[in-house]
Amino acid sequence: MAPTAGHDIDYIAIGGALWSLGRADSAPVPPLNLVGDFGGGGMLLAFGMVAALLEAARSGEGQVVDAAMVDGSASLMTMIHAFRLNGLWNERRGANMLDTGAPFYEVYETSDGQWMAVGAIESQFYAALLDGLGLADDASLPAQMSRQEWPAMKERFAAVFRSKTRDEWTAVFDGTDACVAPVLSPWEAHTHPTTWRGRPTSRWTGRYSRGRHRGSPARRRSSPSRRRLRAPTRCPGSSSGAWPRTWSRSCASRGRSARAGARPVGMHGRVPSQIFTTGQVMVRVMPSIC
């Protein structure tokens, strides 16, 4: 695909991730652009850059980080491949433990048209689930891992969940280890106490929308960063001339000629990276930026 254009959906399709997402007897469902662009692309690129920075700082050798969404999304499927090789996963979509095949790992509709997410895999969590559903003493209920009974068990659970509203079920399972949670919209999640606990937010206005900005999801409590990147006001090394609206080679050339050793930076103080339309990103990490 290198000579042609593509998007997230194309790369996770080639990488094997898209096929696995969806219910039995239905088409694969694109998971927004979370798996290719962000998970298999951006997050793994960031991890590679951190590793490259550490290596460059220790060895003094520059590094090249080569990340692609096809490779990244395929890497995220490693556990599923391991399950299959060990006989724990079959090749039918929607018939396995983690792809809505199991009654204890599913999303159920409530009486008010909302949804509850269930992830009670371990036996003690499954017991807590049955207790909350009022099925703990039901001797007719098959064993948890009776795969052939999973469709019937799902119907049974679905009927029970339809007897209460989402808020009522949330109250039932609040404080328990049943691994049951309400399915919130992205906009509801902004006000949920668990989502925002300990993470400061701020108002922001963007070009296309307005809303709240989430604090860092991976905070460093021992040494929080206080550094803020600011866009330069002029070309690096230039004694005159305002910073242009976009980065230009001429500006970079003036900076290098006026101040030896100055390195070009982007509009937000970042070292530019080269981005290809094939979902691949290559970043050069040099010891001078460590």
C-alpha atoms as a PDB file:
ATOM      1  CA  MET A   1       0.000   0.000   0.000  1.00  0.00           C
ATOM      2  CA  ALA A   2       3.037   2.282   0.127  1.00  0.00           C
ATOM      3  CA  PRO A   3       2.452   3.944  -3.273  1.00  0.00           C
ATOM      4  CA  THR A   4      -1.242   4.648  -2.585  1.00  0.00           C
ATOM      5  CA  ALA A   5      -3.321   6.617  -0.106  1.00  0.00           C
ATOM      6  CA  GLY A   6      -5.238   5.050   2.756  1.00  0.00           C
ATOM      7  CA  HIS A   7      -6.877   5.675   6.119  1.00  0.00           C
ATOM      8  CA  ASP A   8      -7.171   4.004   9.511  1.00  0.00           C
ATOM      9  CA  ILE A   9      -9.885   1.593   8.344  1.00  0.00           C
ATOM     10  CA  ASP A  10      -7.695   0.327   5.486  1.00  0.00           C
ATOM     11  CA  TYR A  11      -4.648  -0.324   7.655  1.00  0.00           C
ATOM     12  CA  ILE A  12      -6.488  -2.191  10.419  1.00  0.00           C
ATOM     13  CA  ALA A  13      -8.207  -4.234   7.688  1.00  0.00           C
ATOM     14  CA  ILE A  14      -4.834  -5.297   6.276  1.00  0.00           C
ATOM     15  CA  GLY A  15      -3.443  -5.862   9.788  1.00  0.00           C
ATOM     16  CA  GLY A  16      -6.248  -8.290  10.716  1.00  0.00           C
ATOM     17  CA  ALA A  17      -7.763  -6.211  13.503  1.00  0.00           C
ATOM     18  CA  LEU A  18     -10.922  -5.038  11.716  1.00  0.00           C
ATOM     19  CA  TRP A  19     -12.117  -8.565  10.900  1.00  0.00           C
ATOM     20  CA  SER A  20     -12.389  -9.400  14.615  1.00  0.00           C
ATOM     21  CA  LEU A  21     -14.525  -6.399  15.554  1.00  0.00           C
ATOM     22  CA  GLY A  22     -18.252  -7.008  15.351  1.00  0.00           C
ATOM     23  CA  ARG A  23     -20.999  -9.432  16.232  1.00  0.00           C
ATOM     24  CA  ALA A  24     -21.766 -12.857  14.844  1.00  0.00           C
ATOM     25  CA  ASP A  25     -23.351 -12.880  11.387  1.00  0.00           C
ATOM     26  CA  SER A  26     -22.661  -9.169  10.873  1.00  0.00           C
ATOM     27  CA  ALA A  27     -20.102  -7.080   9.039  1.00  0.00           C
ATOM     28  CA  PRO A  28     -16.953  -5.942  10.881  1.00  0.00           C
ATOM     29  CA  VAL A  29     -17.493  -2.654  12.735  1.00  0.00           C
ATOM     30  CA  PRO A  30     -14.832   0.093  12.452  1.00  0.00           C
ATOM     31  CA  PRO A  31     -13.801   1.148  16.010  1.00  0.00           C
ATOM     32  CA  LEU A  32     -13.706   4.847  15.094  1.00  0.00           C
ATOM     33  CA  ASN A  33     -10.002   5.518  14.455  1.00  0.00           C
ATOM     34  CA  LEU A  34      -8.875   4.325  17.873  1.00  0.00           C
ATOM     35  CA  VAL A  35      -7.073   1.139  16.797  1.00  0.00           C
ATOM     36  CA  GLY A  36      -5.117   2.343  13.763  1.00  0.00           C
ATOM     37  CA  ASP A  37      -4.496   6.066  14.092  1.00  0.00           C
ATOM     38  CA  PHE A  38      -4.185   6.230  17.854  1.00  0.00           C
ATOM     39  CA  GLY A  39      -3.516   2.797  19.367  1.00  0.00           C
ATOM     40  CA  GLY A  40      -1.545   1.028  16.665  1.00  0.00           C
ATOM     41  CA  GLY A  41      -0.139   4.248  15.228  1.00  0.00           C
ATOM     42  CA  GLY A  42       0.335   7.219  17.531  1.00  0.00           C
ATOM     43  CA  MET A  43       0.761   5.404  20.859  1.00  0.00           C
ATOM     44  CA  LEU A  44       3.284   2.901  19.518  1.00  0.00           C
ATOM     45  CA  LEU A  45       5.123   5.709  17.731  1.00  0.00           C
ATOM     46  CA  ALA A  46       5.316   7.626  21.006  1.00  0.00           C
ATOM     47  CA  PHE A  47       6.623   4.512  22.763  1.00  0.00           C
ATOM     48  CA  GLY A  48       9.237   4.076  20.053  1.00  0.00           C
ATOM     49  CA  MET A  49      10.302   7.701  20.389  1.00  0.00           C
ATOM     50  CA  VAL A  50      10.739   7.330  24.151  1.00  0.00           C
ATOM     51  CA  ALA A  51      12.873   4.226  23.616  1.00  0.00           C
ATOM     52  CA  ALA A  52      14.896   6.063  20.944  1.00  0.00           C
ATOM     53  CA  LEU A  53      15.452   9.042  23.231  1.00  0.00           C
ATOM     54  CA  LEU A  54      16.739   6.763  25.992  1.00  0.00           C
ATOM     55  CA  GLU A  55      19.072   4.953  23.609  1.00  0.00           C
ATOM     56  CA  ALA A  56      20.350   8.181  22.055  1.00  0.00           C
ATOM     57  CA  ALA A  57      21.004   9.681  25.486  1.00  0.00           C
ATOM     58  CA  ARG A  58      22.921   6.591  26.643  1.00  0.00           C
ATOM     59  CA  SER A  59      24.856   5.703  23.505  1.00  0.00           C
ATOM     60  CA  GLY A  60      25.150   9.034  21.727  1.00  0.00           C
ATOM     61  CA  GLU A  61      23.900   7.357  18.552  1.00  0.00           C
ATOM     62  CA  GLY A  62      21.003   8.777  16.595  1.00  0.00           C
ATOM     63  CA  GLN A  63      17.954   6.572  16.105  1.00  0.00           C
ATOM     64  CA  VAL A  64      15.216   6.245  13.479  1.00  0.00           C
ATOM     65  CA  VAL A  65      11.743   5.246  14.667  1.00  0.00           C
ATOM     66  CA  ASP A  66       9.691   3.609  11.911  1.00  0.00           C
ATOM     67  CA  ALA A  67       6.041   3.119  12.899  1.00  0.00           C
ATOM     68  CA  ALA A  68       3.151   1.976  10.709  1.00  0.00           C
ATOM     69  CA  MET A  69      -0.512   1.421  11.496  1.00  0.00           C
ATOM     70  CA  VAL A  70      -0.563  -1.971   9.778  1.00  0.00           C
ATOM     71  CA  ASP A  71       2.280  -3.223  11.978  1.00  0.00           C
ATOM     72  CA  GLY A  72       0.882  -1.585  15.102  1.00  0.00           C
ATOM     73  CA  SER A  73      -2.679  -2.847  14.753  1.00  0.00           C
ATOM     74  CA  ALA A  74      -1.382  -6.354  14.006  1.00  0.00           C
ATOM     75  CA  SER A  75       0.789  -6.158  17.132  1.00  0.00           C
ATOM     76  CA  LEU A  76      -2.262  -5.283  19.235  1.00  0.00           C
ATOM     77  CA  MET A  77      -3.802  -8.593  18.128  1.00  0.00           C
ATOM     78  CA  THR A  78      -0.968 -10.630  19.703  1.00  0.00           C
ATOM     79  CA  MET A  79      -3.072 -11.878  22.626  1.00  0.00           C
ATOM     80  CA  ILE A  80      -5.865 -13.032  20.297  1.00  0.00           C
ATOM     81  CA  HIS A  81      -3.358 -14.999  18.201  1.00  0.00           C
ATOM     82  CA  ALA A  82      -2.034 -16.586  21.395  1.00  0.00           C
ATOM     83  CA  PHE A  83      -5.566 -17.558  22.435  1.00  0.00           C
ATOM     84  CA  ARG A  84      -6.164 -19.177  19.044  1.00  0.00           C
ATOM     85  CA  LEU A  85      -2.922 -21.152  19.137  1.00  0.00           C
ATOM     86  CA  ASN A  86      -3.886 -22.476  22.573  1.00  0.00           C
ATOM     87  CA  GLY A  87      -7.372 -23.511  21.504  1.00  0.00           C
ATOM     88  CA  LEU A  88      -9.109 -20.688  23.382  1.00  0.00           C
ATOM     89  CA  TRP A  89     -10.320 -18.756  20.339  1.00  0.00           C
ATOM     90  CA  ASN A  90     -12.152 -19.911  17.239  1.00  0.00           C
ATOM     91  CA  GLU A  91     -12.314 -18.171  13.888  1.00  0.00           C
ATOM     92  CA  ARG A  92     -15.987 -17.229  14.096  1.00  0.00           C
ATOM     93  CA  ARG A  93     -16.599 -13.587  14.892  1.00  0.00           C
ATOM     94  CA  GLY A  94     -18.792 -12.947  17.929  1.00  0.00           C
ATOM     95  CA  ALA A  95     -18.414 -16.461  19.324  1.00  0.00           C
ATOM     96  CA  ASN A  96     -15.533 -15.976  21.748  1.00  0.00           C
ATOM     97  CA  MET A  97     -15.086 -14.767  25.278  1.00  0.00           C
ATOM     98  CA  LEU A  98     -14.080 -11.180  24.486  1.00  0.00           C
ATOM     99  CA  ASP A  99     -15.996 -10.459  21.267  1.00  0.00           C
ATOM    100  CA  THR A 100     -19.585 -10.548  22.649  1.00  0.00           C
ATOM    101  CA  GLY A 101     -19.803 -14.339  22.421  1.00  0.00           C
ATOM    102  CA  ALA A 102     -19.884 -14.840  26.194  1.00  0.00           C
ATOM    103  CA  PRO A 103     -22.873 -13.762  28.321  1.00  0.00           C
ATOM    104  CA  PHE A 104     -20.536 -12.401  30.993  1.00  0.00           C
ATOM    105  CA  TYR A 105     -18.673 -10.113  28.553  1.00  0.00           C
ATOM    106  CA  GLU A 106     -21.434  -8.281  26.756  1.00  0.00           C
ATOM    107  CA  VAL A 107     -23.445  -5.070  26.532  1.00  0.00           C
ATOM    108  CA  TYR A 108     -27.105  -5.284  27.597  1.00  0.00           C
ATOM    109  CA  GLU A 109     -29.982  -2.914  26.944  1.00  0.00           C
ATOM    110  CA  THR A 110     -31.931  -1.523  29.903  1.00  0.00           C
ATOM    111  CA  SER A 111     -35.607  -0.630  30.191  1.00  0.00           C
ATOM    112  CA  ASP A 112     -34.978   3.027  29.294  1.00  0.00           C
ATOM    113  CA  GLY A 113     -33.120   2.242  26.079  1.00  0.00           C
ATOM    114  CA  GLN A 114     -29.692   2.716  27.637  1.00  0.00           C
ATOM    115  CA  TRP A 115     -26.944   0.131  28.088  1.00  0.00           C
ATOM    116  CA  MET A 116     -24.882  -1.651  30.737  1.00  0.00           C
ATOM    117  CA  ALA A 117     -21.430  -3.146  30.091  1.00  0.00           C
ATOM    118  CA  VAL A 118     -20.607  -6.492  31.719  1.00  0.00           C
ATOM    119  CA  GLY A 119     -17.077  -7.893  32.023  1.00  0.00           C
ATOM    120  CA  ALA A 120     -17.332 -10.513  34.791  1.00  0.00           C
ATOM    121  CA  ILE A 121     -14.729 -12.998  33.526  1.00  0.00           C
ATOM    122  CA  GLU A 122     -13.245 -14.350  36.753  1.00  0.00           C
ATOM    123  CA  SER A 123     -15.411 -16.706  38.795  1.00  0.00           C
ATOM    124  CA  GLN A 124     -15.658 -14.442  41.845  1.00  0.00           C
ATOM    125  CA  PHE A 125     -16.726 -11.513  39.678  1.00  0.00           C
ATOM    126  CA  TYR A 126     -19.221 -13.718  37.850  1.00  0.00           C
ATOM    127  CA  ALA A 127     -20.685 -14.730  41.205  1.00  0.00           C
ATOM    128  CA  ALA A 128     -21.136 -11.066  42.106  1.00  0.00           C
ATOM    129  CA  LEU A 129     -22.839 -10.512  38.731  1.00  0.00           C
ATOM    130  CA  LEU A 130     -25.320 -13.311  39.354  1.00  0.00           C
ATOM    131  CA  ASP A 131     -25.987 -11.959  42.816  1.00  0.00           C
ATOM    132  CA  GLY A 132     -26.804  -8.506  41.437  1.00  0.00           C
ATOM    133  CA  LEU A 133     -29.050  -9.991  38.761  1.00  0.00           C
ATOM    134  CA  GLY A 134     -30.894 -12.073  41.343  1.00  0.00           C
ATOM    135  CA  LEU A 135     -29.744 -15.338  39.762  1.00  0.00           C
ATOM    136  CA  ALA A 136     -27.284 -16.540  42.397  1.00  0.00           C
ATOM    137  CA  ASP A 137     -29.625 -19.269  43.644  1.00  0.00           C
ATOM    138  CA  ASP A 138     -30.975 -20.312  40.246  1.00  0.00           C
ATOM    139  CA  ALA A 139     -30.037 -23.984  39.923  1.00  0.00           C
ATOM    140  CA  SER A 140     -31.193 -24.085  36.288  1.00  0.00           C
ATOM    141  CA  LEU A 141     -28.479 -21.682  35.177  1.00  0.00           C
ATOM    142  CA  PRO A 142     -25.660 -23.521  33.308  1.00  0.00           C
ATOM    143  CA  ALA A 143     -22.036 -23.302  34.365  1.00  0.00           C
ATOM    144  CA  GLN A 144     -20.230 -20.115  33.402  1.00  0.00           C
ATOM    145  CA  MET A 145     -17.921 -21.730  30.828  1.00  0.00           C
ATOM    146  CA  SER A 146     -20.553 -23.916  29.150  1.00  0.00           C
ATOM    147  CA  ARG A 147     -19.961 -22.460  25.699  1.00  0.00           C
ATOM    148  CA  GLN A 148     -22.805 -24.325  24.064  1.00  0.00           C
ATOM    149  CA  GLU A 149     -25.187 -22.662  26.533  1.00  0.00           C
ATOM    150  CA  TRP A 150     -23.873 -19.137  26.056  1.00  0.00           C
ATOM    151  CA  PRO A 151     -26.587 -18.016  23.576  1.00  0.00           C
ATOM    152  CA  ALA A 152     -29.373 -19.094  25.927  1.00  0.00           C
ATOM    153  CA  MET A 153     -27.608 -17.523  28.911  1.00  0.00           C
ATOM    154  CA  LYS A 154     -27.303 -14.240  27.030  1.00  0.00           C
ATOM    155  CA  GLU A 155     -31.025 -14.220  26.388  1.00  0.00           C
ATOM    156  CA  ARG A 156     -31.651 -14.850  30.079  1.00  0.00           C
ATOM    157  CA  PHE A 157     -29.344 -12.026  31.159  1.00  0.00           C
ATOM    158  CA  ALA A 158     -30.807  -9.689  28.546  1.00  0.00           C
ATOM    159  CA  ALA A 159     -34.317 -10.238  29.873  1.00  0.00           C
ATOM    160  CA  VAL A 160     -33.219  -9.412  33.408  1.00  0.00           C
ATOM    161  CA  PHE A 161     -31.368  -6.249  32.356  1.00  0.00           C
ATOM    162  CA  ARG A 162     -34.473  -5.035  30.533  1.00  0.00           C
ATOM    163  CA  SER A 163     -36.346  -4.989  33.841  1.00  0.00           C
ATOM    164  CA  LYS A 164     -34.602  -1.872  35.213  1.00  0.00           C
ATOM    165  CA  THR A 165     -33.260   1.440  33.975  1.00  0.00           C
ATOM    166  CA  ARG A 166     -29.580   2.118  33.529  1.00  0.00           C
ATOM    167  CA  ASP A 167     -29.464   4.263  36.657  1.00  0.00           C
ATOM    168  CA  GLU A 168     -31.208   1.577  38.680  1.00  0.00           C
ATOM    169  CA  TRP A 169     -28.709  -1.069  37.559  1.00  0.00           C
ATOM    170  CA  THR A 170     -25.857   1.320  38.260  1.00  0.00           C
ATOM    171  CA  ALA A 171     -27.091   1.645  41.823  1.00  0.00           C
ATOM    172  CA  VAL A 172     -27.438  -2.138  42.149  1.00  0.00           C
ATOM    173  CA  PHE A 173     -23.840  -2.820  41.123  1.00  0.00           C
ATOM    174  CA  ASP A 174     -22.248   0.271  42.683  1.00  0.00           C
ATOM    175  CA  GLY A 175     -19.523  -0.775  45.109  1.00  0.00           C
ATOM    176  CA  THR A 176     -19.536  -4.434  44.015  1.00  0.00           C
ATOM    177  CA  ASP A 177     -16.903  -6.506  42.192  1.00  0.00           C
ATOM    178  CA  ALA A 178     -19.325  -7.618  39.479  1.00  0.00           C
ATOM    179  CA  CYS A 179     -17.442  -5.660  36.787  1.00  0.00           C
ATOM    180  CA  VAL A 180     -20.602  -3.960  35.584  1.00  0.00           C
ATOM    181  CA  ALA A 181     -20.679  -0.326  34.482  1.00  0.00           C
ATOM    182  CA  PRO A 182     -23.093   2.033  32.728  1.00  0.00           C
ATOM    183  CA  VAL A 183     -22.313   2.769  29.085  1.00  0.00           C
ATOM    184  CA  LEU A 184     -21.835   6.530  28.992  1.00  0.00           C
ATOM    185  CA  SER A 185     -21.706   8.721  25.929  1.00  0.00           C
ATOM    186  CA  PRO A 186     -18.472  10.699  25.482  1.00  0.00           C
ATOM    187  CA  TRP A 187     -20.367  13.772  26.632  1.00  0.00           C
ATOM    188  CA  GLU A 188     -21.750  12.088  29.738  1.00  0.00           C
ATOM    189  CA  ALA A 189     -18.290  10.800  30.591  1.00  0.00           C
ATOM    190  CA  HIS A 190     -17.080  14.388  31.046  1.00  0.00           C
ATOM    191  CA  THR A 191     -19.151  14.653  34.218  1.00  0.00           C
ATOM    192  CA  HIS A 192     -18.649  11.157  35.632  1.00  0.00           C
ATOM    193  CA  PRO A 193     -16.727  11.308  38.954  1.00  0.00           C
ATOM    194  CA  THR A 194     -14.509   8.309  38.155  1.00  0.00           C
ATOM    195  CA  THR A 195     -13.481   9.691  34.777  1.00  0.00           C
ATOM    196  CA  TRP A 196     -12.384  13.063  36.115  1.00  0.00           C
ATOM    197  CA  ARG A 197     -11.219  12.186  39.620  1.00  0.00           C
ATOM    198  CA  GLY A 198      -7.937  13.954  40.288  1.00  0.00           C
ATOM    199  CA  ARG A 199      -7.560  15.177  36.700  1.00  0.00           C
ATOM    200  CA  PRO A 200      -7.982  18.928  36.274  1.00  0.00           C
ATOM    201  CA  THR A 201      -9.820  20.125  33.199  1.00  0.00           C
ATOM    202  CA  SER A 202     -10.005  23.398  31.360  1.00  0.00           C
ATOM    203  CA  ARG A 203     -12.315  24.999  28.850  1.00  0.00           C
ATOM    204  CA  TRP A 204     -11.088  25.090  25.284  1.00  0.00           C
ATOM    205  CA  THR A 205     -12.289  26.484  22.010  1.00  0.00           C
ATOM    206  CA  GLY A 206     -11.238  24.826  18.800  1.00  0.00           C
ATOM    207  CA  ARG A 207     -11.772  25.571  15.153  1.00  0.00           C
ATOM    208  CA  TYR A 208     -14.573  23.050  14.803  1.00  0.00           C
ATOM    209  CA  SER A 209     -15.987  22.569  18.294  1.00  0.00           C
ATOM    210  CA  ARG A 210     -15.944  23.643  21.907  1.00  0.00           C
ATOM    211  CA  GLY A 211     -15.745  21.592  25.066  1.00  0.00           C
ATOM    212  CA  ARG A 212     -13.545  20.483  27.936  1.00  0.00           C
ATOM    213  CA  HIS A 213      -9.983  19.278  27.733  1.00  0.00           C
ATOM    214  CA  ARG A 214      -9.041  16.211  29.748  1.00  0.00           C
ATOM    215  CA  GLY A 215      -5.960  16.336  31.948  1.00  0.00           C
ATOM    216  CA  SER A 216      -3.039  14.010  31.345  1.00  0.00           C
ATOM    217  CA  PRO A 217      -4.108  10.318  31.568  1.00  0.00           C
ATOM    218  CA  ALA A 218      -0.588   9.274  32.622  1.00  0.00           C
ATOM    219  CA  ARG A 219       0.471  11.778  35.217  1.00  0.00           C
ATOM    220  CA  ARG A 220       3.923  11.668  36.810  1.00  0.00           C
ATOM    221  CA  ARG A 221       3.227  12.265  40.481  1.00  0.00           C
ATOM    222  CA  SER A 222       6.867  12.301  41.587  1.00  0.00           C
ATOM    223  CA  SER A 223       8.103  14.813  39.003  1.00  0.00           C
ATOM    224  CA  PRO A 224       5.279  16.557  37.170  1.00  0.00           C
ATOM    225  CA  SER A 225       6.385  18.471  34.120  1.00  0.00           C
ATOM    226  CA  ARG A 226       6.108  22.253  34.301  1.00  0.00           C
ATOM    227  CA  ARG A 227       7.547  22.892  30.876  1.00  0.00           C
ATOM    228  CA  ARG A 228       5.270  24.473  28.314  1.00  0.00           C
ATOM    229  CA  LEU A 229       6.122  24.591  24.613  1.00  0.00           C
ATOM    230  CA  ARG A 230       5.686  27.977  22.994  1.00  0.00           C
ATOM    231  CA  ALA A 231       5.792  28.842  19.325  1.00  0.00           C
ATOM    232  CA  PRO A 232       8.862  30.924  18.419  1.00  0.00           C
ATOM    233  CA  THR A 233       8.116  34.510  17.435  1.00  0.00           C
ATOM    234  CA  ARG A 234      10.739  34.622  14.692  1.00  0.00           C
ATOM    235  CA  CYS A 235      13.037  32.430  12.636  1.00  0.00           C
ATOM    236  CA  PRO A 236      15.681  30.656  14.782  1.00  0.00           C
ATOM    237  CA  GLY A 237      18.921  32.619  14.831  1.00  0.00           C
ATOM    238  CA  SER A 238      17.419  35.585  13.006  1.00  0.00           C
ATOM    239  CA  SER A 239      17.795  39.049  14.496  1.00  0.00           C
ATOM    240  CA  SER A 240      14.927  40.386  12.429  1.00  0.00           C
ATOM    241  CA  GLY A 241      11.931  39.092  10.576  1.00  0.00           C
ATOM    242  CA  ALA A 242       8.750  37.786  12.129  1.00  0.00           C
ATOM    243  CA  TRP A 243       7.924  34.109  12.275  1.00  0.00           C
ATOM    244  CA  PRO A 244       6.061  33.165   9.098  1.00  0.00           C
ATOM    245  CA  ARG A 245       2.584  31.636   9.137  1.00  0.00           C
ATOM    246  CA  THR A 246       4.021  28.290   8.075  1.00  0.00           C
ATOM    247  CA  TRP A 247       7.451  26.736   8.445  1.00  0.00           C
ATOM    248  CA  SER A 248       9.576  27.279   5.354  1.00  0.00           C
ATOM    249  CA  ARG A 249      12.925  26.010   4.164  1.00  0.00           C
ATOM    250  CA  SER A 250      14.094  29.566   3.649  1.00  0.00           C
ATOM    251  CA  CYS A 251      13.445  30.358   7.289  1.00  0.00           C
ATOM    252  CA  ALA A 252      15.309  27.237   8.361  1.00  0.00           C
ATOM    253  CA  SER A 253      18.210  28.170   6.114  1.00  0.00           C
ATOM    254  CA  ARG A 254      18.403  31.688   7.564  1.00  0.00           C
ATOM    255  CA  GLY A 255      18.398  30.267  11.057  1.00  0.00           C
ATOM    256  CA  ARG A 256      21.192  27.801  10.370  1.00  0.00           C
ATOM    257  CA  SER A 257      23.357  30.354   8.598  1.00  0.00           C
ATOM    258  CA  ALA A 258      22.896  32.987  11.287  1.00  0.00           C
ATOM    259  CA  ARG A 259      23.449  30.666  14.228  1.00  0.00           C
ATOM    260  CA  ALA A 260      25.571  27.603  13.737  1.00  0.00           C
ATOM    261  CA  GLY A 261      24.112  24.467  15.274  1.00  0.00           C
ATOM    262  CA  ALA A 262      20.535  25.728  15.470  1.00  0.00           C
ATOM    263  CA  ARG A 263      18.063  23.038  14.564  1.00  0.00           C
ATOM    264  CA  PRO A 264      14.747  23.706  12.803  1.00  0.00           C
ATOM    265  CA  VAL A 265      11.622  23.426  14.900  1.00  0.00           C
ATOM    266  CA  GLY A 266       7.961  23.324  13.993  1.00  0.00           C
ATOM    267  CA  MET A 267       5.296  25.873  14.793  1.00  0.00           C
ATOM    268  CA  HIS A 268       4.956  24.542  18.354  1.00  0.00           C
ATOM    269  CA  GLY A 269       8.612  23.997  19.120  1.00  0.00           C
ATOM    270  CA  ARG A 270       8.628  20.377  17.938  1.00  0.00           C
ATOM    271  CA  VAL A 271      11.209  18.738  15.728  1.00  0.00           C
ATOM    272  CA  PRO A 272       9.449  18.099  12.391  1.00  0.00           C
ATOM    273  CA  SER A 273       8.642  14.516  11.459  1.00  0.00           C
ATOM    274  CA  GLN A 274       8.065  13.085   8.014  1.00  0.00           C
ATOM    275  CA  ILE A 275       4.572  11.678   7.569  1.00  0.00           C
ATOM    276  CA  PHE A 276       3.635   9.418   4.669  1.00  0.00           C
ATOM    277  CA  THR A 277       0.140   8.756   3.344  1.00  0.00           C
ATOM    278  CA  THR A 278       0.587   5.021   3.877  1.00  0.00           C
ATOM    279  CA  GLY A 279      -0.052   5.301   7.607  1.00  0.00           C
ATOM    280  CA  GLN A 280       3.668   5.192   8.261  1.00  0.00           C
ATOM    281  CA  VAL A 281       5.648   7.736  10.268  1.00  0.00           C
ATOM    282  CA  MET A 282       9.408   8.003  10.442  1.00  0.00           C
ATOM    283  CA  VAL A 283      11.048  10.179  13.092  1.00  0.00           C
ATOM    284  CA  ARG A 284      14.751  10.815  13.429  1.00  0.00           C
ATOM    285  CA  VAL A 285      15.950  11.204  17.006  1.00  0.00           C
ATOM    286  CA  MET A 286      19.355  12.829  17.341  1.00  0.00           C
ATOM    287  CA  PRO A 287      21.513  13.012  20.489  1.00  0.00           C
ATOM    288  CA  SER A 288      21.451  16.822  20.329  1.00  0.00           C
ATOM    289  CA  ILE A 289      17.766  16.926  21.269  1.00  0.00           C
ATOM    290  CA  CYS A 290      18.054  14.581  24.261  1.00  0.00           C
END
